[in-house]
Amino acid sequence: MTDRPIRLKFNGRTVPAVLYDNPAANSLYTQLPATLLFSDYGRQEVNARIPRKLTMKGMPEGCDPEIGDIGYNVAGVVVLHYSKIGYFKGTAVLGHIDADVSIFQGWDKPVEVSIDPVA
């Protein structure tokens, strides 16, 4: 399997991204398309709960996501990182956003984001 393109749609925008070929990202891909309600968390990321938790089998114990990474927390939360947060146990990198991620900053209320596979 290879990395798979996806797109995020919100507030009239369409943002390209990619999901990597790893067990957690593949688990998310099986749940697409999906519309999730993302909220700002700590002025460093926006995140949303997903209907079914992703598998972490075969994933590293934790990660240090980069700005623009799509992440996952074992609590069942998908994360769009717009700042550097450092290493956290129980997290994984699912993919990366191919756009200026400052568009996620300053969300003062929850935003519906559609995540769709690109055919």
C-alpha atoms as a PDB file:
ATOM      1  CA  MET A   1       0.000   0.000   0.000  1.00  0.00           C
ATOM      2  CA  THR A   2       1.111   3.603  -0.500  1.00  0.00           C
ATOM      3  CA  ASP A   3       0.306   6.986   0.970  1.00  0.00           C
ATOM      4  CA  ARG A   4      -3.214   8.110   0.037  1.00  0.00           C
ATOM      5  CA  PRO A   5      -4.391  11.615  -0.828  1.00  0.00           C
ATOM      6  CA  ILE A   6      -7.309  13.064   1.114  1.00  0.00           C
ATOM      7  CA  ARG A   7      -8.912  16.478   1.308  1.00  0.00           C
ATOM      8  CA  LEU A   8     -10.212  18.498   4.227  1.00  0.00           C
ATOM      9  CA  LYS A   9     -13.214  20.753   3.573  1.00  0.00           C
ATOM     10  CA  PHE A  10     -14.358  23.498   5.951  1.00  0.00           C
ATOM     11  CA  ASN A  11     -15.562  27.097   5.856  1.00  0.00           C
ATOM     12  CA  GLY A  12     -15.635  27.076   2.045  1.00  0.00           C
ATOM     13  CA  ARG A  13     -12.014  25.876   1.788  1.00  0.00           C
ATOM     14  CA  THR A  14     -10.572  22.669   0.402  1.00  0.00           C
ATOM     15  CA  VAL A  15      -7.188  21.662   1.799  1.00  0.00           C
ATOM     16  CA  PRO A  16      -5.090  18.829   0.328  1.00  0.00           C
ATOM     17  CA  ALA A  17      -3.468  16.298   2.629  1.00  0.00           C
ATOM     18  CA  VAL A  18      -2.094  12.777   2.606  1.00  0.00           C
ATOM     19  CA  LEU A  19      -2.516   9.799   4.911  1.00  0.00           C
ATOM     20  CA  TYR A  20       0.629   7.715   5.346  1.00  0.00           C
ATOM     21  CA  ASP A  21       0.774   3.964   4.948  1.00  0.00           C
ATOM     22  CA  ASN A  22       0.714   2.875   8.600  1.00  0.00           C
ATOM     23  CA  PRO A  23      -1.772   0.871  10.698  1.00  0.00           C
ATOM     24  CA  ALA A  24      -3.388   3.860  12.448  1.00  0.00           C
ATOM     25  CA  ALA A  25      -3.764   5.899   9.232  1.00  0.00           C
ATOM     26  CA  ASN A  26      -5.150   2.866   7.401  1.00  0.00           C
ATOM     27  CA  SER A  27      -7.669   2.470  10.233  1.00  0.00           C
ATOM     28  CA  LEU A  28      -8.778   6.102   9.769  1.00  0.00           C
ATOM     29  CA  TYR A  29      -9.013   5.660   6.001  1.00  0.00           C
ATOM     30  CA  THR A  30     -11.594   2.887   6.469  1.00  0.00           C
ATOM     31  CA  GLN A  31     -13.847   5.434   8.252  1.00  0.00           C
ATOM     32  CA  LEU A  32     -13.789   7.952   5.378  1.00  0.00           C
ATOM     33  CA  PRO A  33     -15.613   9.971   4.259  1.00  0.00           C
ATOM     34  CA  ALA A  34     -16.268  11.516   7.652  1.00  0.00           C
ATOM     35  CA  THR A  35     -17.389  14.866   9.003  1.00  0.00           C
ATOM     36  CA  LEU A  36     -15.891  15.718  12.382  1.00  0.00           C
ATOM     37  CA  LEU A  37     -16.321  18.682  14.711  1.00  0.00           C
ATOM     38  CA  PHE A  38     -12.866  20.191  15.346  1.00  0.00           C
ATOM     39  CA  SER A  39     -12.120  22.602  18.201  1.00  0.00           C
ATOM     40  CA  ASP A  40      -8.986  24.484  19.189  1.00  0.00           C
ATOM     41  CA  TYR A  41      -6.934  22.876  21.927  1.00  0.00           C
ATOM     42  CA  GLY A  42      -4.314  24.866  23.787  1.00  0.00           C
ATOM     43  CA  ARG A  43      -3.709  27.258  20.889  1.00  0.00           C
ATOM     44  CA  GLN A  44      -1.467  24.596  19.340  1.00  0.00           C
ATOM     45  CA  GLU A  45      -3.827  22.309  17.426  1.00  0.00           C
ATOM     46  CA  VAL A  46      -7.417  21.607  16.506  1.00  0.00           C
ATOM     47  CA  ASN A  47      -8.834  18.202  17.329  1.00  0.00           C
ATOM     48  CA  ALA A  48     -11.978  16.114  17.074  1.00  0.00           C
ATOM     49  CA  ARG A  49     -13.294  12.832  18.434  1.00  0.00           C
ATOM     50  CA  ILE A  50     -13.832  10.101  15.871  1.00  0.00           C
ATOM     51  CA  PRO A  51     -16.659   7.539  15.974  1.00  0.00           C
ATOM     52  CA  ARG A  52     -14.352   4.503  16.320  1.00  0.00           C
ATOM     53  CA  LYS A  53     -10.880   4.490  17.847  1.00  0.00           C
ATOM     54  CA  LEU A  54      -8.006   3.699  15.522  1.00  0.00           C
ATOM     55  CA  THR A  55      -5.711   0.718  15.887  1.00  0.00           C
ATOM     56  CA  MET A  56      -2.322   1.416  17.424  1.00  0.00           C
ATOM     57  CA  LYS A  57      -1.065  -2.139  16.823  1.00  0.00           C
ATOM     58  CA  GLY A  58       2.286  -1.888  15.059  1.00  0.00           C
ATOM     59  CA  MET A  59       2.654   1.837  15.804  1.00  0.00           C
ATOM     60  CA  PRO A  60       5.450   3.438  17.856  1.00  0.00           C
ATOM     61  CA  GLU A  61       4.770   4.090  21.549  1.00  0.00           C
ATOM     62  CA  GLY A  62       4.545   7.830  20.912  1.00  0.00           C
ATOM     63  CA  CYS A  63       5.660  10.583  18.549  1.00  0.00           C
ATOM     64  CA  ASP A  64       6.876  14.146  18.187  1.00  0.00           C
ATOM     65  CA  PRO A  65       4.600  15.532  15.452  1.00  0.00           C
ATOM     66  CA  GLU A  66       5.719  18.287  13.109  1.00  0.00           C
ATOM     67  CA  ILE A  67       3.760  21.398  12.221  1.00  0.00           C
ATOM     68  CA  GLY A  68       1.225  20.350   9.594  1.00  0.00           C
ATOM     69  CA  ASP A  69       1.014  16.736  10.716  1.00  0.00           C
ATOM     70  CA  ILE A  70      -2.273  14.917  11.092  1.00  0.00           C
ATOM     71  CA  GLY A  71      -2.056  13.100  14.393  1.00  0.00           C
ATOM     72  CA  TYR A  72      -3.987  10.740  16.600  1.00  0.00           C
ATOM     73  CA  ASN A  73      -4.267  10.357  20.350  1.00  0.00           C
ATOM     74  CA  VAL A  74      -5.295   6.994  21.863  1.00  0.00           C
ATOM     75  CA  ALA A  75      -8.180   8.786  23.598  1.00  0.00           C
ATOM     76  CA  GLY A  76      -9.862   8.675  20.175  1.00  0.00           C
ATOM     77  CA  VAL A  77      -8.942  12.139  18.943  1.00  0.00           C
ATOM     78  CA  VAL A  78      -7.721  13.167  15.474  1.00  0.00           C
ATOM     79  CA  VAL A  79      -5.396  16.172  15.643  1.00  0.00           C
ATOM     80  CA  LEU A  80      -4.411  18.801  13.070  1.00  0.00           C
ATOM     81  CA  HIS A  81      -1.154  20.308  14.360  1.00  0.00           C
ATOM     82  CA  TYR A  82      -0.503  23.982  13.640  1.00  0.00           C
ATOM     83  CA  SER A  83       2.355  24.334  16.147  1.00  0.00           C
ATOM     84  CA  LYS A  84       5.167  22.182  17.548  1.00  0.00           C
ATOM     85  CA  ILE A  85       4.058  20.301  20.675  1.00  0.00           C
ATOM     86  CA  GLY A  86       6.933  17.892  21.379  1.00  0.00           C
ATOM     87  CA  TYR A  87       6.907  14.164  22.135  1.00  0.00           C
ATOM     88  CA  PHE A  88       3.781  12.555  23.604  1.00  0.00           C
ATOM     89  CA  LYS A  89       3.269   8.919  24.511  1.00  0.00           C
ATOM     90  CA  GLY A  90       0.100   7.369  23.056  1.00  0.00           C
ATOM     91  CA  THR A  91       0.124   9.521  19.930  1.00  0.00           C
ATOM     92  CA  ALA A  92       0.777   8.737  16.274  1.00  0.00           C
ATOM     93  CA  VAL A  93       1.346  10.617  13.039  1.00  0.00           C
ATOM     94  CA  LEU A  94      -1.268   9.665  10.434  1.00  0.00           C
ATOM     95  CA  GLY A  95      -0.285  11.994   7.619  1.00  0.00           C
ATOM     96  CA  HIS A  96       0.467  15.555   6.634  1.00  0.00           C
ATOM     97  CA  ILE A  97      -1.456  18.625   5.448  1.00  0.00           C
ATOM     98  CA  ASP A  98      -0.184  20.121   2.187  1.00  0.00           C
ATOM     99  CA  ALA A  99      -1.128  23.737   2.968  1.00  0.00           C
ATOM    100  CA  ASP A 100      -0.359  26.651   5.271  1.00  0.00           C
ATOM    101  CA  VAL A 101      -1.704  25.328   8.572  1.00  0.00           C
ATOM    102  CA  SER A 102      -2.101  28.794  10.072  1.00  0.00           C
ATOM    103  CA  ILE A 103      -5.652  28.502   8.665  1.00  0.00           C
ATOM    104  CA  PHE A 104      -6.452  26.380  11.753  1.00  0.00           C
ATOM    105  CA  GLN A 105      -5.374  29.063  14.230  1.00  0.00           C
ATOM    106  CA  GLY A 106      -7.851  31.225  16.084  1.00  0.00           C
ATOM    107  CA  TRP A 107     -10.872  28.966  15.834  1.00  0.00           C
ATOM    108  CA  ASP A 108     -12.962  30.421  18.664  1.00  0.00           C
ATOM    109  CA  LYS A 109     -15.809  27.962  18.075  1.00  0.00           C
ATOM    110  CA  PRO A 110     -16.043  24.367  16.789  1.00  0.00           C
ATOM    111  CA  VAL A 111     -15.792  23.889  13.011  1.00  0.00           C
ATOM    112  CA  GLU A 112     -17.204  21.012  10.957  1.00  0.00           C
ATOM    113  CA  VAL A 113     -14.474  19.491   8.805  1.00  0.00           C
ATOM    114  CA  SER A 114     -15.205  16.907   6.129  1.00  0.00           C
ATOM    115  CA  ILE A 115     -12.394  14.453   5.464  1.00  0.00           C
ATOM    116  CA  ASP A 116     -12.710  12.766   2.106  1.00  0.00           C
ATOM    117  CA  PRO A 117     -10.584  10.297   0.173  1.00  0.00           C
ATOM    118  CA  VAL A 118      -9.400  11.549  -3.219  1.00  0.00           C
ATOM    119  CA  ALA A 119     -10.152   9.069  -5.979  1.00  0.00           C
END
